[in-house]
Amino acid sequence: MQTYLINLGRRPDRLAAMTAQGAALGVVLDRVEACDAAAAQPQALDRWFAQGGPLGEIPRGDKACLLSHRAAWKLFLAGPDAPPTMSGFRTAQPW
């Protein structure tokens, strides 16, 4: 089973620390490049989010974090460990 690690390119120290911890446990970590809020163009972050909202604008860092996790999920779902889909099943009753 693959184990993904989301990591900012500008934080090699964190990557080294997590890689060492993974190695100590016998776990190989597959690095996923994190979306860096400090470097991302506003359009790259904002295109996935509605403007405003009941609690105000979502902070850039939160947007980047969500997009980083989205990238990891996409890799997981495209990989061999993805769960089977239910697309072939039909139900007689709506859920």
PDB file of N, CA and C in Angstrom:
ATOM      1  N   MET A   1       0.843  -1.177   0.000  1.00  0.00           N
ATOM      2  CA  MET A   1       0.000   0.000   0.000  1.00  0.00           C
ATOM      3  C   MET A   1       0.886   1.238   0.000  1.00  0.00           C
ATOM      4  N   GLN A   2       0.532   2.182  -0.831  1.00  0.00           N
ATOM      5  CA  GLN A   2       1.297   3.422  -0.896  1.00  0.00           C
ATOM      6  C   GLN A   2       0.911   4.333   0.261  1.00  0.00           C
ATOM      7  N   THR A   3       1.913   5.055   0.760  1.00  0.00           N
ATOM      8  CA  THR A   3       1.696   6.042   1.804  1.00  0.00           C
ATOM      9  C   THR A   3       2.169   7.378   1.262  1.00  0.00           C
ATOM     10  N   TYR A   4       1.259   8.336   1.216  1.00  0.00           N
ATOM     11  CA  TYR A   4       1.567   9.634   0.634  1.00  0.00           C
ATOM     12  C   TYR A   4       1.936  10.643   1.708  1.00  0.00           C
ATOM     13  N   LEU A   5       2.888  11.486   1.367  1.00  0.00           N
ATOM     14  CA  LEU A   5       3.331  12.569   2.238  1.00  0.00           C
ATOM     15  C   LEU A   5       3.217  13.870   1.462  1.00  0.00           C
ATOM     16  N   ILE A   6       2.400  14.772   1.944  1.00  0.00           N
ATOM     17  CA  ILE A   6       2.263  16.091   1.317  1.00  0.00           C
ATOM     18  C   ILE A   6       3.353  16.981   1.900  1.00  0.00           C
ATOM     19  N   ASN A   7       4.135  17.602   1.017  1.00  0.00           N
ATOM     20  CA  ASN A   7       5.284  18.374   1.477  1.00  0.00           C
ATOM     21  C   ASN A   7       5.506  19.603   0.608  1.00  0.00           C
ATOM     22  N   LEU A   8       5.723  20.734   1.257  1.00  0.00           N
ATOM     23  CA  LEU A   8       6.073  21.963   0.550  1.00  0.00           C
ATOM     24  C   LEU A   8       7.500  21.857   0.027  1.00  0.00           C
ATOM     25  N   GLY A   9       7.705  22.235  -1.220  1.00  0.00           N
ATOM     26  CA  GLY A   9       9.037  22.200  -1.805  1.00  0.00           C
ATOM     27  C   GLY A   9      10.046  23.035  -1.042  1.00  0.00           C
ATOM     28  N   ARG A  10       9.583  24.088  -0.395  1.00  0.00           N
ATOM     29  CA  ARG A  10      10.499  24.968   0.342  1.00  0.00           C
ATOM     30  C   ARG A  10      10.801  24.473   1.757  1.00  0.00           C
ATOM     31  N   ARG A  11      10.297  23.268   2.086  1.00  0.00           N
ATOM     32  CA  ARG A  11      10.557  22.710   3.418  1.00  0.00           C
ATOM     33  C   ARG A  11      11.226  21.333   3.353  1.00  0.00           C
ATOM     34  N   PRO A  12      12.458  21.289   2.806  1.00  0.00           N
ATOM     35  CA  PRO A  12      13.165  20.008   2.742  1.00  0.00           C
ATOM     36  C   PRO A  12      13.473  19.441   4.131  1.00  0.00           C
ATOM     37  N   ASP A  13      13.543  20.313   5.131  1.00  0.00           N
ATOM     38  CA  ASP A  13      13.784  19.837   6.496  1.00  0.00           C
ATOM     39  C   ASP A  13      12.637  18.959   6.992  1.00  0.00           C
ATOM     40  N   ARG A  14      11.418  19.350   6.694  1.00  0.00           N
ATOM     41  CA  ARG A  14      10.261  18.539   7.080  1.00  0.00           C
ATOM     42  C   ARG A  14      10.232  17.220   6.317  1.00  0.00           C
ATOM     43  N   LEU A  15      10.582  17.283   5.027  1.00  0.00           N
ATOM     44  CA  LEU A  15      10.628  16.069   4.226  1.00  0.00           C
ATOM     45  C   LEU A  15      11.656  15.095   4.802  1.00  0.00           C
ATOM     46  N   ALA A  16      12.830  15.604   5.154  1.00  0.00           N
ATOM     47  CA  ALA A  16      13.878  14.750   5.721  1.00  0.00           C
ATOM     48  C   ALA A  16      13.424  14.139   7.045  1.00  0.00           C
ATOM     49  N   ALA A  17      12.779  14.934   7.894  1.00  0.00           N
ATOM     50  CA  ALA A  17      12.318  14.427   9.194  1.00  0.00           C
ATOM     51  C   ALA A  17      11.253  13.350   9.016  1.00  0.00           C
ATOM     52  N   MET A  18      10.309  13.569   8.121  1.00  0.00           N
ATOM     53  CA  MET A  18       9.235  12.597   7.917  1.00  0.00           C
ATOM     54  C   MET A  18       9.750  11.349   7.207  1.00  0.00           C
ATOM     55  N   THR A  19      10.695  11.513   6.288  1.00  0.00           N
ATOM     56  CA  THR A  19      11.280  10.366   5.604  1.00  0.00           C
ATOM     57  C   THR A  19      12.021   9.486   6.610  1.00  0.00           C
ATOM     58  N   ALA A  20      12.736  10.115   7.529  1.00  0.00           N
ATOM     59  CA  ALA A  20      13.450   9.361   8.567  1.00  0.00           C
ATOM     60  C   ALA A  20      12.472   8.628   9.480  1.00  0.00           C
ATOM     61  N   GLN A  21      11.380   9.279   9.856  1.00  0.00           N
ATOM     62  CA  GLN A  21      10.381   8.620  10.697  1.00  0.00           C
ATOM     63  C   GLN A  21       9.737   7.456   9.951  1.00  0.00           C
ATOM     64  N   GLY A  22       9.435   7.651   8.686  1.00  0.00           N
ATOM     65  CA  GLY A  22       8.862   6.576   7.889  1.00  0.00           C
ATOM     66  C   GLY A  22       9.815   5.402   7.774  1.00  0.00           C
ATOM     67  N   ALA A  23      11.089   5.688   7.516  1.00  0.00           N
ATOM     68  CA  ALA A  23      12.096   4.634   7.391  1.00  0.00           C
ATOM     69  C   ALA A  23      12.227   3.844   8.685  1.00  0.00           C
ATOM     70  N   ALA A  24      12.158   4.534   9.820  1.00  0.00           N
ATOM     71  CA  ALA A  24      12.249   3.853  11.114  1.00  0.00           C
ATOM     72  C   ALA A  24      11.088   2.878  11.317  1.00  0.00           C
ATOM     73  N   LEU A  25       9.973   3.158  10.683  1.00  0.00           N
ATOM     74  CA  LEU A  25       8.797   2.290  10.778  1.00  0.00           C
ATOM     75  C   LEU A  25       8.704   1.303   9.619  1.00  0.00           C
ATOM     76  N   GLY A  26       9.647   1.395   8.686  1.00  0.00           N
ATOM     77  CA  GLY A  26       9.608   0.533   7.512  1.00  0.00           C
ATOM     78  C   GLY A  26       8.591   0.969   6.481  1.00  0.00           C
ATOM     79  N   VAL A  27       8.258   2.248   6.490  1.00  0.00           N
ATOM     80  CA  VAL A  27       7.256   2.791   5.575  1.00  0.00           C
ATOM     81  C   VAL A  27       7.942   3.690   4.554  1.00  0.00           C
ATOM     82  N   VAL A  28       7.711   3.397   3.283  1.00  0.00           N
ATOM     83  CA  VAL A  28       8.232   4.240   2.203  1.00  0.00           C
ATOM     84  C   VAL A  28       7.168   5.293   1.906  1.00  0.00           C
ATOM     85  N   LEU A  29       7.569   6.537   1.911  1.00  0.00           N
ATOM     86  CA  LEU A  29       6.637   7.644   1.685  1.00  0.00           C
ATOM     87  C   LEU A  29       6.754   8.153   0.260  1.00  0.00           C
ATOM     88  N   ASP A  30       5.620   8.291  -0.402  1.00  0.00           N
ATOM     89  CA  ASP A  30       5.575   8.890  -1.731  1.00  0.00           C
ATOM     90  C   ASP A  30       5.230  10.368  -1.572  1.00  0.00           C
ATOM     91  N   ARG A  31       6.166  11.221  -1.948  1.00  0.00           N
ATOM     92  CA  ARG A  31       5.981  12.658  -1.761  1.00  0.00           C
ATOM     93  C   ARG A  31       4.991  13.227  -2.772  1.00  0.00           C
ATOM     94  N   VAL A  32       4.095  14.048  -2.263  1.00  0.00           N
ATOM     95  CA  VAL A  32       3.155  14.812  -3.083  1.00  0.00           C
ATOM     96  C   VAL A  32       3.519  16.281  -2.899  1.00  0.00           C
ATOM     97  N   GLU A  33       3.782  16.963  -3.984  1.00  0.00           N
ATOM     98  CA  GLU A  33       4.123  18.388  -3.910  1.00  0.00           C
ATOM     99  C   GLU A  33       2.930  19.170  -3.383  1.00  0.00           C
ATOM    100  N   ALA A  34       3.143  19.876  -2.291  1.00  0.00           N
ATOM    101  CA  ALA A  34       2.080  20.689  -1.706  1.00  0.00           C
ATOM    102  C   ALA A  34       1.874  21.956  -2.526  1.00  0.00           C
ATOM    103  N   CYS A  35       0.662  22.419  -2.555  1.00  0.00           N
ATOM    104  CA  CYS A  35       0.349  23.715  -3.151  1.00  0.00           C
ATOM    105  C   CYS A  35       0.801  24.776  -2.152  1.00  0.00           C
ATOM    106  N   ASP A  36       1.685  25.625  -2.554  1.00  0.00           N
ATOM    107  CA  ASP A  36       2.279  26.619  -1.662  1.00  0.00           C
ATOM    108  C   ASP A  36       1.514  27.941  -1.776  1.00  0.00           C
ATOM    109  N   ALA A  37       0.818  28.302  -0.737  1.00  0.00           N
ATOM    110  CA  ALA A  37       0.026  29.534  -0.737  1.00  0.00           C
ATOM    111  C   ALA A  37       0.897  30.766  -0.942  1.00  0.00           C
ATOM    112  N   ALA A  38       2.146  30.693  -0.491  1.00  0.00           N
ATOM    113  CA  ALA A  38       3.046  31.836  -0.625  1.00  0.00           C
ATOM    114  C   ALA A  38       3.512  32.040  -2.058  1.00  0.00           C
ATOM    115  N   ALA A  39       3.476  30.987  -2.865  1.00  0.00           N
ATOM    116  CA  ALA A  39       3.989  31.085  -4.233  1.00  0.00           C
ATOM    117  C   ALA A  39       2.910  30.973  -5.306  1.00  0.00           C
ATOM    118  N   ALA A  40       1.741  30.477  -4.949  1.00  0.00           N
ATOM    119  CA  ALA A  40       0.684  30.233  -5.940  1.00  0.00           C
ATOM    120  C   ALA A  40       0.070  31.540  -6.441  1.00  0.00           C
ATOM    121  N   GLN A  41      -0.264  31.555  -7.719  1.00  0.00           N
ATOM    122  CA  GLN A  41      -0.990  32.691  -8.282  1.00  0.00           C
ATOM    123  C   GLN A  41      -2.407  32.695  -7.702  1.00  0.00           C
ATOM    124  N   PRO A  42      -2.962  33.860  -7.407  1.00  0.00           N
ATOM    125  CA  PRO A  42      -4.315  33.905  -6.844  1.00  0.00           C
ATOM    126  C   PRO A  42      -5.346  33.146  -7.674  1.00  0.00           C
ATOM    127  N   GLN A  43      -5.228  33.225  -9.006  1.00  0.00           N
ATOM    128  CA  GLN A  43      -6.198  32.540  -9.861  1.00  0.00           C
ATOM    129  C   GLN A  43      -6.132  31.024  -9.687  1.00  0.00           C
ATOM    130  N   ALA A  44      -4.936  30.497  -9.446  1.00  0.00           N
ATOM    131  CA  ALA A  44      -4.776  29.055  -9.273  1.00  0.00           C
ATOM    132  C   ALA A  44      -5.499  28.564  -8.021  1.00  0.00           C
ATOM    133  N   LEU A  45      -5.554  29.401  -7.005  1.00  0.00           N
ATOM    134  CA  LEU A  45      -6.261  29.034  -5.774  1.00  0.00           C
ATOM    135  C   LEU A  45      -7.747  29.357  -5.862  1.00  0.00           C
ATOM    136  N   ASP A  46      -8.065  30.537  -6.349  1.00  0.00           N
ATOM    137  CA  ASP A  46      -9.448  31.026  -6.296  1.00  0.00           C
ATOM    138  C   ASP A  46     -10.393  30.304  -7.248  1.00  0.00           C
ATOM    139  N   ARG A  47      -9.873  29.696  -8.299  1.00  0.00           N
ATOM    140  CA  ARG A  47     -10.767  29.077  -9.289  1.00  0.00           C
ATOM    141  C   ARG A  47     -11.564  27.921  -8.702  1.00  0.00           C
ATOM    142  N   TRP A  48     -11.126  27.362  -7.599  1.00  0.00           N
ATOM    143  CA  TRP A  48     -11.804  26.216  -6.997  1.00  0.00           C
ATOM    144  C   TRP A  48     -12.773  26.609  -5.888  1.00  0.00           C
ATOM    145  N   PHE A  49     -12.865  27.890  -5.563  1.00  0.00           N
ATOM    146  CA  PHE A  49     -13.648  28.316  -4.414  1.00  0.00           C
ATOM    147  C   PHE A  49     -14.601  29.446  -4.778  1.00  0.00           C
ATOM    148  N   ALA A  50     -15.775  29.412  -4.174  1.00  0.00           N
ATOM    149  CA  ALA A  50     -16.740  30.495  -4.351  1.00  0.00           C
ATOM    150  C   ALA A  50     -16.242  31.729  -3.597  1.00  0.00           C
ATOM    151  N   GLN A  51     -16.597  32.876  -4.110  1.00  0.00           N
ATOM    152  CA  GLN A  51     -16.238  34.119  -3.432  1.00  0.00           C
ATOM    153  C   GLN A  51     -17.049  34.278  -2.152  1.00  0.00           C
ATOM    154  N   GLY A  52     -16.410  34.752  -1.121  1.00  0.00           N
ATOM    155  CA  GLY A  52     -17.113  35.047   0.128  1.00  0.00           C
ATOM    156  C   GLY A  52     -17.653  33.794   0.789  1.00  0.00           C
ATOM    157  N   GLY A  53     -18.830  33.938   1.369  1.00  0.00           N
ATOM    158  CA  GLY A  53     -19.460  32.837   2.088  1.00  0.00           C
ATOM    159  C   GLY A  53     -19.933  33.331   3.437  1.00  0.00           C
ATOM    160  N   PRO A  54     -20.651  32.505   4.166  1.00  0.00           N
ATOM    161  CA  PRO A  54     -21.209  32.959   5.438  1.00  0.00           C
ATOM    162  C   PRO A  54     -20.147  33.307   6.481  1.00  0.00           C
ATOM    163  N   LEU A  55     -18.949  32.735   6.345  1.00  0.00           N
ATOM    164  CA  LEU A  55     -17.875  33.028   7.297  1.00  0.00           C
ATOM    165  C   LEU A  55     -16.793  33.913   6.698  1.00  0.00           C
ATOM    166  N   GLY A  56     -17.052  34.452   5.514  1.00  0.00           N
ATOM    167  CA  GLY A  56     -16.075  35.306   4.853  1.00  0.00           C
ATOM    168  C   GLY A  56     -15.196  34.527   3.900  1.00  0.00           C
ATOM    169  N   GLU A  57     -14.175  35.177   3.400  1.00  0.00           N
ATOM    170  CA  GLU A  57     -13.258  34.571   2.436  1.00  0.00           C
ATOM    171  C   GLU A  57     -12.401  33.498   3.100  1.00  0.00           C
ATOM    172  N   ILE A  58     -12.199  32.398   2.402  1.00  0.00           N
ATOM    173  CA  ILE A  58     -11.333  31.333   2.899  1.00  0.00           C
ATOM    174  C   ILE A  58      -9.885  31.806   2.747  1.00  0.00           C
ATOM    175  N   PRO A  59      -9.078  31.713   3.792  1.00  0.00           N
ATOM    176  CA  PRO A  59      -7.686  32.164   3.697  1.00  0.00           C
ATOM    177  C   PRO A  59      -6.894  31.376   2.646  1.00  0.00           C
ATOM    178  N   ARG A  60      -5.901  32.036   2.043  1.00  0.00           N
ATOM    179  CA  ARG A  60      -5.075  31.415   1.001  1.00  0.00           C
ATOM    180  C   ARG A  60      -4.433  30.121   1.484  1.00  0.00           C
ATOM    181  N   GLY A  61      -3.932  30.113   2.686  1.00  0.00           N
ATOM    182  CA  GLY A  61      -3.277  28.920   3.221  1.00  0.00           C
ATOM    183  C   GLY A  61      -4.234  27.746   3.320  1.00  0.00           C
ATOM    184  N   ASP A  62      -5.469  28.018   3.707  1.00  0.00           N
ATOM    185  CA  ASP A  62      -6.477  26.957   3.798  1.00  0.00           C
ATOM    186  C   ASP A  62      -6.830  26.425   2.407  1.00  0.00           C
ATOM    187  N   LYS A  63      -6.909  27.332   1.442  1.00  0.00           N
ATOM    188  CA  LYS A  63      -7.192  26.915   0.066  1.00  0.00           C
ATOM    189  C   LYS A  63      -6.056  26.019  -0.449  1.00  0.00           C
ATOM    190  N   ALA A  64      -4.841  26.448  -0.212  1.00  0.00           N
ATOM    191  CA  ALA A  64      -3.690  25.674  -0.678  1.00  0.00           C
ATOM    192  C   ALA A  64      -3.640  24.306   0.002  1.00  0.00           C
ATOM    193  N   CYS A  65      -3.959  24.259   1.270  1.00  0.00           N
ATOM    194  CA  CYS A  65      -3.978  22.991   1.999  1.00  0.00           C
ATOM    195  C   CYS A  65      -5.004  22.044   1.390  1.00  0.00           C
ATOM    196  N   LEU A  66      -6.203  22.539   1.143  1.00  0.00           N
ATOM    197  CA  LEU A  66      -7.232  21.702   0.546  1.00  0.00           C
ATOM    198  C   LEU A  66      -6.799  21.193  -0.821  1.00  0.00           C
ATOM    199  N   LEU A  67      -6.214  22.064  -1.630  1.00  0.00           N
ATOM    200  CA  LEU A  67      -5.778  21.649  -2.967  1.00  0.00           C
ATOM    201  C   LEU A  67      -4.633  20.640  -2.895  1.00  0.00           C
ATOM    202  N   SER A  68      -3.788  20.746  -1.887  1.00  0.00           N
ATOM    203  CA  SER A  68      -2.723  19.760  -1.693  1.00  0.00           C
ATOM    204  C   SER A  68      -3.312  18.389  -1.393  1.00  0.00           C
ATOM    205  N   HIS A  69      -4.306  18.367  -0.515  1.00  0.00           N
ATOM    206  CA  HIS A  69      -4.952  17.100  -0.186  1.00  0.00           C
ATOM    207  C   HIS A  69      -5.734  16.555  -1.382  1.00  0.00           C
ATOM    208  N   ARG A  70      -6.308  17.438  -2.160  1.00  0.00           N
ATOM    209  CA  ARG A  70      -7.024  17.019  -3.369  1.00  0.00           C
ATOM    210  C   ARG A  70      -6.064  16.317  -4.327  1.00  0.00           C
ATOM    211  N   ALA A  71      -4.862  16.856  -4.472  1.00  0.00           N
ATOM    212  CA  ALA A  71      -3.858  16.239  -5.342  1.00  0.00           C
ATOM    213  C   ALA A  71      -3.477  14.848  -4.829  1.00  0.00           C
ATOM    214  N   ALA A  72      -3.337  14.714  -3.512  1.00  0.00           N
ATOM    215  CA  ALA A  72      -2.997  13.411  -2.931  1.00  0.00           C
ATOM    216  C   ALA A  72      -4.133  12.414  -3.153  1.00  0.00           C
ATOM    217  N   TRP A  73      -5.370  12.868  -2.980  1.00  0.00           N
ATOM    218  CA  TRP A  73      -6.521  11.979  -3.198  1.00  0.00           C
ATOM    219  C   TRP A  73      -6.583  11.525  -4.658  1.00  0.00           C
ATOM    220  N   LYS A  74      -6.284  12.429  -5.588  1.00  0.00           N
ATOM    221  CA  LYS A  74      -6.313  12.060  -7.002  1.00  0.00           C
ATOM    222  C   LYS A  74      -5.273  10.973  -7.291  1.00  0.00           C
ATOM    223  N   LEU A  75      -4.087  11.092  -6.709  1.00  0.00           N
ATOM    224  CA  LEU A  75      -3.062  10.065  -6.888  1.00  0.00           C
ATOM    225  C   LEU A  75      -3.523   8.738  -6.292  1.00  0.00           C
ATOM    226  N   PHE A  76      -4.096   8.804  -5.114  1.00  0.00           N
ATOM    227  CA  PHE A  76      -4.590   7.590  -4.458  1.00  0.00           C
ATOM    228  C   PHE A  76      -5.658   6.907  -5.303  1.00  0.00           C
ATOM    229  N   LEU A  77      -6.616   7.676  -5.785  1.00  0.00           N
ATOM    230  CA  LEU A  77      -7.716   7.100  -6.559  1.00  0.00           C
ATOM    231  C   LEU A  77      -7.274   6.572  -7.916  1.00  0.00           C
ATOM    232  N   ALA A  78      -6.182   7.091  -8.431  1.00  0.00           N
ATOM    233  CA  ALA A  78      -5.661   6.609  -9.714  1.00  0.00           C
ATOM    234  C   ALA A  78      -4.726   5.412  -9.537  1.00  0.00           C
ATOM    235  N   GLY A  79      -4.352   5.120  -8.299  1.00  0.00           N
ATOM    236  CA  GLY A  79      -3.389   4.064  -8.043  1.00  0.00           C
ATOM    237  C   GLY A  79      -4.007   2.701  -7.794  1.00  0.00           C
ATOM    238  N   PRO A  80      -3.148   1.715  -7.564  1.00  0.00           N
ATOM    239  CA  PRO A  80      -3.609   0.340  -7.384  1.00  0.00           C
ATOM    240  C   PRO A  80      -4.348   0.093  -6.066  1.00  0.00           C
ATOM    241  N   ASP A  81      -4.224   0.994  -5.104  1.00  0.00           N
ATOM    242  CA  ASP A  81      -4.866   0.806  -3.802  1.00  0.00           C
ATOM    243  C   ASP A  81      -6.239   1.457  -3.702  1.00  0.00           C
ATOM    244  N   ALA A  82      -6.708   2.030  -4.802  1.00  0.00           N
ATOM    245  CA  ALA A  82      -8.011   2.707  -4.791  1.00  0.00           C
ATOM    246  C   ALA A  82      -9.119   1.700  -4.498  1.00  0.00           C
ATOM    247  N   PRO A  83     -10.124   2.111  -3.754  1.00  0.00           N
ATOM    248  CA  PRO A  83     -11.228   1.195  -3.475  1.00  0.00           C
ATOM    249  C   PRO A  83     -12.059   0.954  -4.735  1.00  0.00           C
ATOM    250  N   PRO A  84     -12.750  -0.183  -4.802  1.00  0.00           N
ATOM    251  CA  PRO A  84     -13.614  -0.418  -5.965  1.00  0.00           C
ATOM    252  C   PRO A  84     -14.752   0.597  -5.996  1.00  0.00           C
ATOM    253  N   THR A  85     -15.211   0.899  -7.183  1.00  0.00           N
ATOM    254  CA  THR A  85     -16.311   1.856  -7.304  1.00  0.00           C
ATOM    255  C   THR A  85     -17.641   1.125  -7.265  1.00  0.00           C
ATOM    256  N   MET A  86     -18.667   1.869  -7.021  1.00  0.00           N
ATOM    257  CA  MET A  86     -20.015   1.314  -6.971  1.00  0.00           C
ATOM    258  C   MET A  86     -20.795   1.675  -8.226  1.00  0.00           C
ATOM    259  N   SER A  87     -20.124   2.127  -9.263  1.00  0.00           N
ATOM    260  CA  SER A  87     -20.828   2.642 -10.443  1.00  0.00           C
ATOM    261  C   SER A  87     -21.653   1.563 -11.154  1.00  0.00           C
ATOM    262  N   GLY A  88     -21.281   0.297 -11.009  1.00  0.00           N
ATOM    263  CA  GLY A  88     -22.005  -0.757 -11.688  1.00  0.00           C
ATOM    264  C   GLY A  88     -23.263  -1.218 -10.955  1.00  0.00           C
ATOM    265  N   PHE A  89     -23.463  -0.746  -9.766  1.00  0.00           N
ATOM    266  CA  PHE A  89     -24.597  -1.180  -8.965  1.00  0.00           C
ATOM    267  C   PHE A  89     -25.774  -0.226  -9.099  1.00  0.00           C
ATOM    268  N   ARG A  90     -26.954  -0.769  -9.092  1.00  0.00           N
ATOM    269  CA  ARG A  90     -28.191   0.020  -9.130  1.00  0.00           C
ATOM    270  C   ARG A  90     -29.038  -0.396  -7.937  1.00  0.00           C
ATOM    271  N   THR A  91     -29.771   0.536  -7.404  1.00  0.00           N
ATOM    272  CA  THR A  91     -30.669   0.216  -6.292  1.00  0.00           C
ATOM    273  C   THR A  91     -32.108   0.384  -6.743  1.00  0.00           C
ATOM    274  N   ALA A  92     -32.990  -0.421  -6.171  1.00  0.00           N
ATOM    275  CA  ALA A  92     -34.408  -0.327  -6.504  1.00  0.00           C
ATOM    276  C   ALA A  92     -35.006   0.902  -5.837  1.00  0.00           C
ATOM    277  N   GLN A  93     -34.493   1.257  -4.705  1.00  0.00           N
ATOM    278  CA  GLN A  93     -35.006   2.396  -3.953  1.00  0.00           C
ATOM    279  C   GLN A  93     -33.960   3.501  -3.932  1.00  0.00           C
ATOM    280  N   PRO A  94     -34.364   4.753  -4.053  1.00  0.00           N
ATOM    281  CA  PRO A  94     -33.376   5.832  -3.918  1.00  0.00           C
ATOM    282  C   PRO A  94     -32.875   5.882  -2.465  1.00  0.00           C
ATOM    283  N   TRP A  95     -31.656   6.265  -2.293  1.00  0.00           N
ATOM    284  CA  TRP A  95     -31.059   6.342  -0.964  1.00  0.00           C
ATOM    285  C   TRP A  95     -31.740   7.448  -0.243  1.00  0.00           C
TER     286      TRP A  95
END
